Amino acid sequence: MGAWLSRSLPGAPAAATLVINLVGCAALGLLVGVGGPQLRPSLRLPLAVGFLGSFTTFSTFSLEAAQLWQGGRPLHALAYVGISVLGGLIAVAAGLGLGGLLRGGA
């Protein structure tokens, strides 16, 4: 997915990683929101920790932020970190909310 996004979003060096991380955050929130507290470990571990944990790319995010900084683009690096962290929190919250609605609760 990262290679495809990189080709689709040329000129935005960290955009592919940002999109992947935000989609992963939303998907994790949705999984937990739909499953609620009753989400069985036999589902949570392979889906949340296994698939979504490997889907998102914290190490790549960190490297790209450092490369932006070292490449003389500190404002881009700070914006990338800020958007990633805040956007991730918003995406998880949105996923949790949607999951709760799909589960039939609030």
N, C-alpha and C. Protein backbone atom coordinates (compact mmCIF):
# COMPACT_ATOMS: atom_id res chain seq x y z
N MET A 1 0.82 -1.19 0.00
CA MET A 1 0.00 0.00 0.00
C MET A 1 0.87 1.25 0.00
N GLY A 2 1.99 1.20 0.75
CA GLY A 2 2.88 2.34 0.80
C GLY A 2 3.45 2.70 -0.55
N ALA A 3 3.85 1.69 -1.34
CA ALA A 3 4.40 1.95 -2.67
C ALA A 3 3.34 2.56 -3.58
N TRP A 4 2.13 2.04 -3.53
CA TRP A 4 1.05 2.56 -4.37
C TRP A 4 0.74 4.01 -4.00
N LEU A 5 0.64 4.29 -2.69
CA LEU A 5 0.36 5.65 -2.26
C LEU A 5 1.49 6.60 -2.63
N SER A 6 2.73 6.13 -2.53
CA SER A 6 3.87 6.98 -2.89
C SER A 6 3.80 7.37 -4.37
N ARG A 7 3.38 6.43 -5.22
CA ARG A 7 3.22 6.75 -6.65
C ARG A 7 2.02 7.67 -6.86
N SER A 8 0.99 7.49 -6.06
CA SER A 8 -0.24 8.28 -6.23
C SER A 8 -0.11 9.69 -5.66
N LEU A 9 0.81 9.88 -4.71
CA LEU A 9 0.98 11.18 -4.05
C LEU A 9 2.41 11.70 -4.22
N PRO A 10 2.86 11.89 -5.46
CA PRO A 10 4.24 12.34 -5.65
C PRO A 10 4.44 13.75 -5.11
N GLY A 11 5.63 14.02 -4.66
CA GLY A 11 5.94 15.35 -4.15
C GLY A 11 5.62 15.54 -2.69
N ALA A 12 4.95 14.59 -2.06
CA ALA A 12 4.65 14.67 -0.62
C ALA A 12 5.40 13.51 0.04
N PRO A 13 6.62 13.76 0.50
CA PRO A 13 7.50 12.66 0.90
C PRO A 13 6.95 11.73 1.98
N ALA A 14 6.20 12.24 2.90
CA ALA A 14 5.72 11.40 3.99
C ALA A 14 4.22 11.15 3.92
N ALA A 15 3.58 11.55 2.83
CA ALA A 15 2.13 11.44 2.74
C ALA A 15 1.64 10.01 2.79
N ALA A 16 2.36 9.09 2.16
CA ALA A 16 1.94 7.68 2.15
C ALA A 16 1.92 7.13 3.57
N THR A 17 2.97 7.38 4.33
CA THR A 17 3.02 6.90 5.71
C THR A 17 1.93 7.54 6.55
N LEU A 18 1.70 8.83 6.36
CA LEU A 18 0.65 9.52 7.11
C LEU A 18 -0.71 8.89 6.83
N VAL A 19 -1.03 8.66 5.57
CA VAL A 19 -2.32 8.06 5.21
C VAL A 19 -2.45 6.66 5.81
N ILE A 20 -1.41 5.86 5.70
CA ILE A 20 -1.45 4.50 6.25
C ILE A 20 -1.67 4.54 7.75
N ASN A 21 -0.95 5.41 8.44
CA ASN A 21 -1.10 5.47 9.89
C ASN A 21 -2.49 5.96 10.30
N LEU A 22 -3.05 6.93 9.60
CA LEU A 22 -4.38 7.42 9.94
C LEU A 22 -5.45 6.36 9.64
N VAL A 23 -5.32 5.66 8.53
CA VAL A 23 -6.27 4.59 8.21
C VAL A 23 -6.16 3.47 9.26
N GLY A 24 -4.94 3.14 9.65
CA GLY A 24 -4.75 2.11 10.68
C GLY A 24 -5.34 2.52 12.02
N CYS A 25 -5.20 3.79 12.38
CA CYS A 25 -5.79 4.29 13.63
C CYS A 25 -7.31 4.20 13.59
N ALA A 26 -7.88 4.64 12.47
CA ALA A 26 -9.34 4.57 12.34
C ALA A 26 -9.82 3.11 12.37
N ALA A 27 -9.10 2.22 11.71
CA ALA A 27 -9.48 0.81 11.68
C ALA A 27 -9.39 0.19 13.07
N LEU A 28 -8.36 0.54 13.83
CA LEU A 28 -8.23 0.01 15.19
C LEU A 28 -9.36 0.52 16.07
N GLY A 29 -9.67 1.80 15.96
CA GLY A 29 -10.80 2.35 16.72
C GLY A 29 -12.10 1.67 16.35
N LEU A 30 -12.31 1.44 15.06
CA LEU A 30 -13.52 0.76 14.60
C LEU A 30 -13.59 -0.66 15.13
N LEU A 31 -12.50 -1.38 15.07
CA LEU A 31 -12.46 -2.76 15.57
C LEU A 31 -12.83 -2.82 17.05
N VAL A 32 -12.21 -1.97 17.84
CA VAL A 32 -12.48 -1.95 19.27
C VAL A 32 -13.88 -1.42 19.54
N GLY A 33 -14.31 -0.41 18.77
CA GLY A 33 -15.65 0.14 18.95
C GLY A 33 -16.74 -0.87 18.63
N VAL A 34 -16.57 -1.65 17.58
CA VAL A 34 -17.56 -2.66 17.21
C VAL A 34 -17.53 -3.81 18.21
N GLY A 35 -16.33 -4.23 18.58
CA GLY A 35 -16.19 -5.37 19.49
C GLY A 35 -16.53 -5.03 20.92
N GLY A 36 -16.32 -3.78 21.30
CA GLY A 36 -16.58 -3.37 22.66
C GLY A 36 -15.74 -4.13 23.66
N PRO A 37 -16.11 -4.07 24.92
CA PRO A 37 -15.33 -4.75 25.95
C PRO A 37 -15.36 -6.27 25.81
N GLN A 38 -16.32 -6.77 25.03
CA GLN A 38 -16.44 -8.22 24.87
C GLN A 38 -15.56 -8.75 23.75
N LEU A 39 -14.77 -7.91 23.11
CA LEU A 39 -13.92 -8.36 22.00
C LEU A 39 -12.96 -9.44 22.51
N ARG A 40 -13.12 -10.62 21.97
CA ARG A 40 -12.33 -11.77 22.42
C ARG A 40 -10.85 -11.60 22.07
N PRO A 41 -9.96 -12.00 22.98
CA PRO A 41 -8.53 -11.93 22.68
C PRO A 41 -8.15 -12.72 21.42
N SER A 42 -8.91 -13.79 21.13
CA SER A 42 -8.61 -14.58 19.93
C SER A 42 -8.85 -13.78 18.64
N LEU A 43 -9.64 -12.72 18.72
CA LEU A 43 -9.81 -11.82 17.58
C LEU A 43 -8.95 -10.57 17.72
N ARG A 44 -8.92 -10.03 18.94
CA ARG A 44 -8.19 -8.78 19.17
C ARG A 44 -6.70 -8.93 18.86
N LEU A 45 -6.08 -9.98 19.32
CA LEU A 45 -4.64 -10.12 19.14
C LEU A 45 -4.23 -10.23 17.68
N PRO A 46 -4.83 -11.13 16.89
CA PRO A 46 -4.37 -11.20 15.50
C PRO A 46 -4.77 -9.99 14.66
N LEU A 47 -5.94 -9.41 14.94
CA LEU A 47 -6.38 -8.27 14.13
C LEU A 47 -5.75 -6.95 14.58
N ALA A 48 -5.84 -6.66 15.87
CA ALA A 48 -5.36 -5.38 16.37
C ALA A 48 -3.84 -5.34 16.48
N VAL A 49 -3.28 -6.33 17.15
CA VAL A 49 -1.84 -6.33 17.37
C VAL A 49 -1.10 -6.82 16.12
N GLY A 50 -1.58 -7.91 15.54
CA GLY A 50 -0.91 -8.49 14.39
C GLY A 50 -1.07 -7.67 13.13
N PHE A 51 -2.28 -7.67 12.56
CA PHE A 51 -2.48 -7.01 11.27
C PHE A 51 -2.34 -5.50 11.36
N LEU A 52 -3.11 -4.85 12.22
CA LEU A 52 -3.07 -3.39 12.27
C LEU A 52 -1.76 -2.88 12.86
N GLY A 53 -1.16 -3.65 13.76
CA GLY A 53 0.14 -3.25 14.31
C GLY A 53 1.22 -3.28 13.25
N SER A 54 1.15 -4.24 12.35
CA SER A 54 2.15 -4.28 11.28
C SER A 54 1.76 -3.38 10.11
N PHE A 55 0.48 -3.06 9.98
CA PHE A 55 0.02 -2.18 8.90
C PHE A 55 0.51 -0.76 9.11
N THR A 56 0.40 -0.28 10.34
CA THR A 56 0.87 1.07 10.63
C THR A 56 2.39 1.03 10.76
N THR A 57 3.01 2.18 10.61
CA THR A 57 4.46 2.20 10.43
C THR A 57 5.12 3.28 11.27
N PHE A 58 5.17 3.04 12.58
CA PHE A 58 5.74 4.05 13.46
C PHE A 58 7.22 4.28 13.18
N SER A 59 7.95 3.21 12.90
CA SER A 59 9.38 3.39 12.65
C SER A 59 9.61 4.18 11.36
N THR A 60 8.82 3.93 10.34
CA THR A 60 8.95 4.69 9.10
C THR A 60 8.58 6.15 9.34
N PHE A 61 7.51 6.37 10.10
CA PHE A 61 7.10 7.73 10.46
C PHE A 61 8.24 8.46 11.15
N SER A 62 8.88 7.80 12.11
CA SER A 62 9.97 8.44 12.85
C SER A 62 11.15 8.76 11.94
N LEU A 63 11.50 7.84 11.07
CA LEU A 63 12.61 8.07 10.14
C LEU A 63 12.30 9.23 9.20
N GLU A 64 11.09 9.25 8.66
CA GLU A 64 10.73 10.33 7.74
C GLU A 64 10.73 11.69 8.43
N ALA A 65 10.26 11.73 9.67
CA ALA A 65 10.28 13.00 10.42
C ALA A 65 11.73 13.46 10.63
N ALA A 66 12.61 12.53 10.99
CA ALA A 66 14.02 12.87 11.19
C ALA A 66 14.67 13.33 9.88
N GLN A 67 14.33 12.66 8.78
CA GLN A 67 14.90 13.05 7.48
C GLN A 67 14.42 14.43 7.05
N LEU A 68 13.16 14.74 7.31
CA LEU A 68 12.68 16.09 7.01
C LEU A 68 13.46 17.12 7.82
N TRP A 69 13.65 16.86 9.10
CA TRP A 69 14.37 17.78 9.98
C TRP A 69 15.81 17.95 9.51
N GLN A 70 16.48 16.82 9.30
CA GLN A 70 17.89 16.86 8.89
C GLN A 70 18.06 17.43 7.49
N GLY A 71 17.02 17.33 6.67
CA GLY A 71 17.08 17.87 5.33
C GLY A 71 16.78 19.36 5.27
N GLY A 72 16.76 20.01 6.42
CA GLY A 72 16.56 21.45 6.45
C GLY A 72 15.11 21.88 6.35
N ARG A 73 14.20 20.97 6.70
CA ARG A 73 12.77 21.29 6.63
C ARG A 73 12.12 21.06 8.01
N PRO A 74 12.59 21.78 9.02
CA PRO A 74 12.08 21.54 10.37
C PRO A 74 10.59 21.83 10.53
N LEU A 75 10.07 22.83 9.83
CA LEU A 75 8.64 23.12 9.94
C LEU A 75 7.81 21.99 9.33
N HIS A 76 8.27 21.41 8.23
CA HIS A 76 7.59 20.26 7.64
C HIS A 76 7.63 19.08 8.61
N ALA A 77 8.78 18.88 9.25
CA ALA A 77 8.91 17.78 10.20
C ALA A 77 7.95 17.95 11.37
N LEU A 78 7.88 19.15 11.93
CA LEU A 78 6.98 19.41 13.05
C LEU A 78 5.52 19.28 12.63
N ALA A 79 5.20 19.76 11.44
CA ALA A 79 3.82 19.63 10.95
C ALA A 79 3.47 18.16 10.75
N TYR A 80 4.38 17.40 10.20
CA TYR A 80 4.17 15.97 9.97
C TYR A 80 3.92 15.23 11.29
N VAL A 81 4.74 15.53 12.29
CA VAL A 81 4.57 14.89 13.60
C VAL A 81 3.23 15.32 14.23
N GLY A 82 2.95 16.61 14.19
CA GLY A 82 1.71 17.11 14.78
C GLY A 82 0.46 16.55 14.10
N ILE A 83 0.46 16.56 12.78
CA ILE A 83 -0.70 16.04 12.05
C ILE A 83 -0.85 14.55 12.29
N SER A 84 0.27 13.83 12.33
CA SER A 84 0.22 12.38 12.54
C SER A 84 -0.36 12.04 13.91
N VAL A 85 0.13 12.71 14.94
CA VAL A 85 -0.32 12.39 16.30
C VAL A 85 -1.76 12.85 16.52
N LEU A 86 -2.05 14.09 16.22
CA LEU A 86 -3.40 14.60 16.42
C LEU A 86 -4.39 13.89 15.49
N GLY A 87 -3.99 13.71 14.25
CA GLY A 87 -4.85 13.00 13.30
C GLY A 87 -5.10 11.57 13.73
N GLY A 88 -4.07 10.92 14.28
CA GLY A 88 -4.24 9.55 14.77
C GLY A 88 -5.24 9.48 15.91
N LEU A 89 -5.15 10.42 16.83
CA LEU A 89 -6.11 10.45 17.94
C LEU A 89 -7.53 10.69 17.45
N ILE A 90 -7.67 11.60 16.50
CA ILE A 90 -9.00 11.88 15.94
C ILE A 90 -9.53 10.66 15.19
N ALA A 91 -8.65 9.99 14.43
CA ALA A 91 -9.07 8.81 13.67
C ALA A 91 -9.50 7.67 14.59
N VAL A 92 -8.77 7.46 15.68
CA VAL A 92 -9.17 6.42 16.64
C VAL A 92 -10.52 6.77 17.26
N ALA A 93 -10.67 8.02 17.66
CA ALA A 93 -11.94 8.44 18.26
C ALA A 93 -13.10 8.27 17.28
N ALA A 94 -12.88 8.62 16.02
CA ALA A 94 -13.93 8.45 15.01
C ALA A 94 -14.26 6.97 14.82
N GLY A 95 -13.23 6.13 14.77
CA GLY A 95 -13.46 4.70 14.65
C GLY A 95 -14.22 4.13 15.84
N LEU A 96 -13.85 4.56 17.04
CA LEU A 96 -14.57 4.10 18.23
C LEU A 96 -16.03 4.53 18.19
N GLY A 97 -16.27 5.77 17.80
CA GLY A 97 -17.63 6.27 17.72
C GLY A 97 -18.46 5.50 16.69
N LEU A 98 -17.88 5.31 15.51
CA LEU A 98 -18.59 4.56 14.47
C LEU A 98 -18.81 3.12 14.90
N GLY A 99 -17.80 2.52 15.54
CA GLY A 99 -17.96 1.14 16.02
C GLY A 99 -19.06 1.02 17.05
N GLY A 100 -19.14 2.01 17.95
CA GLY A 100 -20.21 1.99 18.95
C GLY A 100 -21.58 2.12 18.31
N LEU A 101 -21.68 2.94 17.28
CA LEU A 101 -22.96 3.08 16.57
C LEU A 101 -23.33 1.77 15.86
N LEU A 102 -22.35 1.15 15.23
CA LEU A 102 -22.61 -0.12 14.53
C LEU A 102 -22.98 -1.24 15.50
N ARG A 103 -22.41 -1.17 16.71
CA ARG A 103 -22.71 -2.16 17.73
C ARG A 103 -24.08 -1.93 18.34
N GLY A 104 -24.63 -0.72 18.15
CA GLY A 104 -25.96 -0.42 18.66
C GLY A 104 -25.96 0.36 19.94
N GLY A 105 -24.82 0.86 20.34
CA GLY A 105 -24.73 1.66 21.56
C GLY A 105 -24.20 3.03 21.25
N ALA A 106 -23.83 3.73 22.30
CA ALA A 106 -23.27 5.07 22.10
C ALA A 106 -21.88 5.15 22.64
